[in-house]
Protein backbone atom coordinates (compact mmCIF):
# COMPACT_ATOMS: atom_id res chain seq x y z
CA MET A 1 9.93 -28.11 4.73
CA ALA A 2 11.68 -24.66 5.88
CA ARG A 3 9.31 -21.82 5.43
CA HIS A 4 10.23 -19.21 2.70
CA LYS A 5 10.30 -16.56 5.38
CA GLY A 6 11.17 -13.87 2.95
CA GLY A 7 9.00 -14.84 0.16
CA VAL A 8 5.25 -14.06 -0.74
CA LEU A 9 2.35 -16.13 -2.14
CA VAL A 10 0.42 -14.13 -4.56
CA LEU A 11 -3.03 -15.59 -5.48
CA GLY A 12 -4.62 -14.14 -8.36
CA LEU A 13 -2.47 -12.43 -11.36
CA GLY A 14 -4.87 -9.88 -12.63
CA ARG A 15 -4.12 -6.17 -12.89
CA PHE A 16 -3.62 -5.74 -9.20
CA GLY A 17 -2.01 -8.98 -8.30
CA GLY A 18 0.24 -8.99 -11.19
CA ALA A 19 1.66 -5.52 -10.49
CA VAL A 20 1.94 -6.44 -6.87
CA ALA A 21 4.01 -9.70 -7.87
CA GLU A 22 6.19 -8.04 -10.33
CA THR A 23 6.99 -5.35 -7.85
CA LEU A 24 8.22 -7.83 -5.29
CA CYS A 25 10.26 -9.64 -7.70
CA LYS A 26 11.88 -6.41 -8.71
CA LEU A 27 12.74 -6.02 -4.91
CA ASP A 28 14.47 -9.28 -5.00
CA ILE A 29 11.70 -10.94 -3.02
CA GLU A 30 10.99 -14.50 -3.96
CA VAL A 31 7.05 -15.06 -5.39
CA LEU A 32 4.89 -17.90 -5.79
CA GLY A 33 2.26 -16.50 -8.16
CA ILE A 34 -0.86 -18.67 -8.68
CA ASP A 35 -3.86 -18.18 -10.98
CA LYS A 36 -6.39 -20.47 -12.65
CA ASP A 37 -6.33 -18.57 -15.96
CA PRO A 38 -3.44 -20.25 -18.40
CA VAL A 39 -3.14 -17.21 -20.21
CA LEU A 40 -2.05 -14.99 -17.09
CA VAL A 41 0.19 -17.77 -16.05
CA ARG A 42 2.13 -17.73 -19.32
CA GLU A 43 2.15 -13.77 -19.26
CA PHE A 44 3.93 -13.70 -15.88
CA SER A 45 6.25 -17.03 -16.67
CA ASP A 46 9.26 -14.98 -17.16
CA SER A 47 8.82 -12.16 -14.67
CA LEU A 48 7.88 -14.28 -11.63
CA THR A 49 10.31 -16.27 -9.45
CA HIS A 50 7.43 -19.17 -9.76
CA VAL A 51 4.21 -18.98 -11.56
CA VAL A 52 1.50 -21.94 -11.47
CA GLU A 53 -1.77 -22.72 -13.17
CA ALA A 54 -4.12 -23.88 -10.00
CA ASP A 55 -7.47 -23.35 -8.54
CA THR A 56 -6.62 -21.21 -5.48
CA THR A 57 -9.76 -22.49 -3.58
CA ASP A 58 -8.44 -25.99 -3.68
CA VAL A 59 -6.69 -26.50 -0.28
CA GLU A 60 -5.00 -29.75 -1.50
CA ALA A 61 -3.63 -28.06 -4.62
CA LEU A 62 -2.07 -25.46 -2.92
CA ARG A 63 -0.55 -27.99 -0.14
CA GLN A 64 1.00 -29.69 -3.22
CA LEU A 65 2.40 -26.43 -4.40
CA GLY A 66 4.16 -25.88 -1.04
CA ALA A 67 1.84 -22.85 -0.22
CA GLU A 68 1.95 -23.45 3.43
CA ASP A 69 5.58 -23.04 3.46
CA PHE A 70 5.08 -19.41 2.99
CA ALA A 71 5.04 -16.87 5.70
CA LYS A 72 3.11 -14.17 3.71
CA ALA A 73 -0.02 -14.26 1.27
CA ILE A 74 -1.66 -11.70 -0.83
CA VAL A 75 -5.15 -12.72 -1.85
CA ALA A 76 -5.50 -10.46 -4.90
CA ILE A 77 -8.66 -11.94 -6.61
CA GLY A 78 -11.08 -9.05 -7.44
CA THR A 79 -14.46 -9.36 -8.88
CA ASP A 80 -15.17 -13.06 -8.12
CA ILE A 81 -16.10 -12.33 -4.60
CA GLN A 82 -16.61 -16.05 -3.77
CA ALA A 83 -13.36 -17.25 -4.86
CA SER A 84 -11.72 -14.35 -3.07
CA ILE A 85 -13.40 -15.39 0.30
CA LEU A 86 -12.76 -19.43 -0.13
CA THR A 87 -9.12 -18.55 -1.07
CA THR A 88 -8.65 -16.32 2.01
CA LEU A 89 -10.22 -19.05 4.27
CA VAL A 90 -8.06 -21.80 2.58
CA VAL A 91 -4.80 -19.68 2.97
CA ALA A 92 -5.76 -19.09 6.73
CA ASP A 93 -6.29 -22.73 7.19
CA LEU A 94 -2.83 -23.35 5.79
CA GLY A 95 -1.47 -21.52 8.80
CA ILE A 96 0.10 -18.77 6.72
CA ASP A 97 1.11 -15.93 9.31
CA ARG A 98 0.14 -12.59 7.41
CA ILE A 99 -2.61 -12.44 4.99
CA TRP A 100 -3.29 -9.23 2.79
CA ALA A 101 -6.83 -9.79 1.05
CA LYS A 102 -8.21 -7.28 -1.47
CA ALA A 103 -11.42 -6.37 -1.18
CA ILE A 104 -14.08 -4.32 -3.53
CA THR A 105 -16.88 -3.57 -0.93
CA PRO A 106 -17.09 -2.77 2.77
CA ASP A 107 -19.02 -5.92 3.45
CA HIS A 108 -16.66 -8.09 1.27
CA GLY A 109 -14.08 -6.64 3.50
CA ARG A 110 -15.71 -7.74 6.78
CA ILE A 111 -16.09 -10.99 5.50
CA LEU A 112 -12.57 -11.51 4.43
CA ASP A 113 -11.49 -10.17 7.95
CA ARG A 114 -13.81 -12.84 9.60
CA VAL A 115 -12.44 -15.65 7.75
CA GLY A 116 -8.77 -15.05 8.44
CA ALA A 117 -7.23 -12.20 6.68
CA THR A 118 -4.92 -10.15 8.78
CA SER A 119 -5.07 -7.04 6.70
CA VAL A 120 -8.16 -5.96 4.40
CA ILE A 121 -6.92 -3.62 1.38
CA PHE A 122 -9.17 -1.62 -0.95
CA PRO A 123 -7.18 -0.52 -3.70
CA GLU A 124 -9.68 1.06 -5.79
CA LYS A 125 -11.12 3.17 -3.01
CA ASP A 126 -7.76 4.05 -1.36
CA MET A 127 -6.53 5.32 -5.01
CA GLY A 128 -9.64 7.12 -5.52
CA GLU A 129 -9.32 9.05 -2.20
CA ARG A 130 -5.51 9.81 -2.84
CA ILE A 131 -6.33 11.29 -6.52
CA ALA A 132 -9.10 13.28 -5.07
CA HIS A 133 -7.07 14.94 -2.45
CA VAL A 134 -4.45 15.93 -4.97
CA VAL A 135 -6.77 17.20 -7.49
CA GLY A 136 -8.96 18.74 -5.08
CA GLY A 137 -6.21 21.02 -3.38
CA ARG A 138 -2.55 21.85 -3.61
CA MET A 139 -1.11 18.74 -2.47
CA ILE A 140 1.42 16.86 -4.82
CA ASP A 141 0.73 13.47 -3.03
CA TYR A 142 -1.31 12.16 -0.39
CA MET A 143 -1.16 8.91 1.55
CA ALA A 144 -3.72 7.85 4.57
CA LEU A 145 -1.56 6.14 7.15
CA ASP A 146 -4.51 5.20 9.29
CA GLU A 147 -8.26 6.46 9.76
CA GLY A 148 -7.70 10.17 10.53
CA PHE A 149 -4.20 10.41 9.85
CA ALA A 150 -2.28 11.17 6.64
CA LEU A 151 0.97 11.83 5.07
CA VAL A 152 1.16 14.53 2.41
CA GLU A 153 3.53 16.22 0.05
CA THR A 154 2.85 19.92 -0.58
CA LYS A 155 4.45 23.25 -1.35
CA PRO A 156 5.15 25.31 1.95
CA PRO A 157 2.69 28.22 2.63
CA LYS A 158 3.71 31.57 2.56
CA ALA A 159 3.33 31.75 6.40
CA VAL A 160 6.55 29.46 6.77
CA VAL A 161 8.61 30.69 3.45
CA GLY A 162 11.80 32.29 4.40
CA ARG A 163 11.39 31.34 8.15
CA SER A 164 12.74 28.52 10.14
CA LEU A 165 10.20 25.73 11.04
CA GLY A 166 10.76 26.58 14.68
CA ASP A 167 10.22 30.37 14.50
CA ALA A 168 7.01 29.80 12.36
CA GLY A 169 5.70 27.52 15.23
CA VAL A 170 4.48 25.03 12.51
CA ARG A 171 3.51 22.42 15.01
CA ALA A 172 1.74 24.77 17.41
CA ARG A 173 0.12 26.90 14.75
CA PHE A 174 -1.19 24.14 12.14
CA GLY A 175 -0.86 21.06 14.30
CA ILE A 176 1.37 19.20 11.92
CA THR A 177 4.73 17.74 11.83
CA VAL A 178 7.30 18.56 8.98
CA VAL A 179 8.94 15.08 8.43
CA CYS A 180 11.46 16.19 5.43
CA ILE A 181 11.92 18.48 2.96
CA LYS A 182 13.13 18.44 -0.59
CA PRO A 183 14.97 21.85 -1.41
CA GLU A 184 14.40 23.13 -5.13
CA GLY A 185 16.85 21.02 -7.25
CA GLU A 186 18.02 18.92 -4.50
CA GLY A 187 17.20 15.67 -2.58
CA PHE A 188 14.90 14.86 0.21
CA THR A 189 16.35 15.46 3.67
CA TYR A 190 15.11 15.32 7.40
CA ALA A 191 13.59 18.55 8.59
CA THR A 192 14.67 20.28 11.74
CA PRO A 193 13.30 23.36 13.74
CA GLU A 194 16.11 25.26 11.82
CA THR A 195 15.04 24.22 8.27
CA VAL A 196 14.18 27.11 6.35
CA PRO A 197 11.74 26.49 3.45
CA GLY A 198 11.91 28.25 0.15
CA PRO A 199 8.75 28.73 -1.98
CA GLU A 200 9.59 25.96 -4.52
CA ASP A 201 10.61 23.40 -2.01
CA ILE A 202 8.45 20.40 -1.20
CA LEU A 203 7.63 19.48 2.54
CA VAL A 204 6.44 15.97 3.53
CA ILE A 205 3.98 16.68 6.48
CA ALA A 206 2.25 14.22 8.70
CA GLY A 207 -0.78 14.76 11.06
CA GLU A 208 -4.62 14.34 11.55
CA THR A 209 -6.11 14.35 7.93
CA ASN A 210 -8.00 17.48 8.59
CA LYS A 211 -4.86 19.27 9.86
CA VAL A 212 -2.75 18.39 6.96
CA GLU A 213 -5.48 19.31 4.40
CA SER A 214 -5.96 22.81 6.04
CA PHE A 215 -1.90 23.40 5.94
CA ALA A 216 -1.80 22.10 2.32
CA ALA A 217 -4.49 24.66 1.37
CA THR A 218 -3.22 27.66 3.27
CA ASP A 219 -2.00 30.49 1.01
């Protein structure tokens, strides 16, 4: 059978998995959602491309459902760590190319990595850090792109308001890059050295975490 190259297998339809699956469908991506809970299966029967009640740790059950024909899978099982690990192992054994697996602790994440997950995600931890950065400073939004590197939305500090980014020496002075700007009342556009931020504009900046935090905290 030909692979569902653009489709995604979502195993576990709890709050996280269900939200991911529904969002993928809204993006016109084929989804096969699998969960052993018949209540969840009924709940998503009208919103997902395909949804099936099955034990995600049973390799034969997944084979019968055509799971191995998908190139991407998300193991979204949360509190049942044993089921999470076994499901990740089964999906890896099926030869699926890309596997994202949800972890709830660092140890859980390390095991998922060892049994075949190509990417381990920590939704609660990542969201907690994101909210803390926003609440604790002047940031509008915060996203960690990698260890020690972040993308941030923030208002411009007084040091750059009314001056072009080039004249203000933003990169040399603050060690960050202004990726784009949203002028007040307008949409986002790319930033250039000639861009002149206003006091109510929104900047999207990228750089080392400590440097983007320092820039966002500058008056």
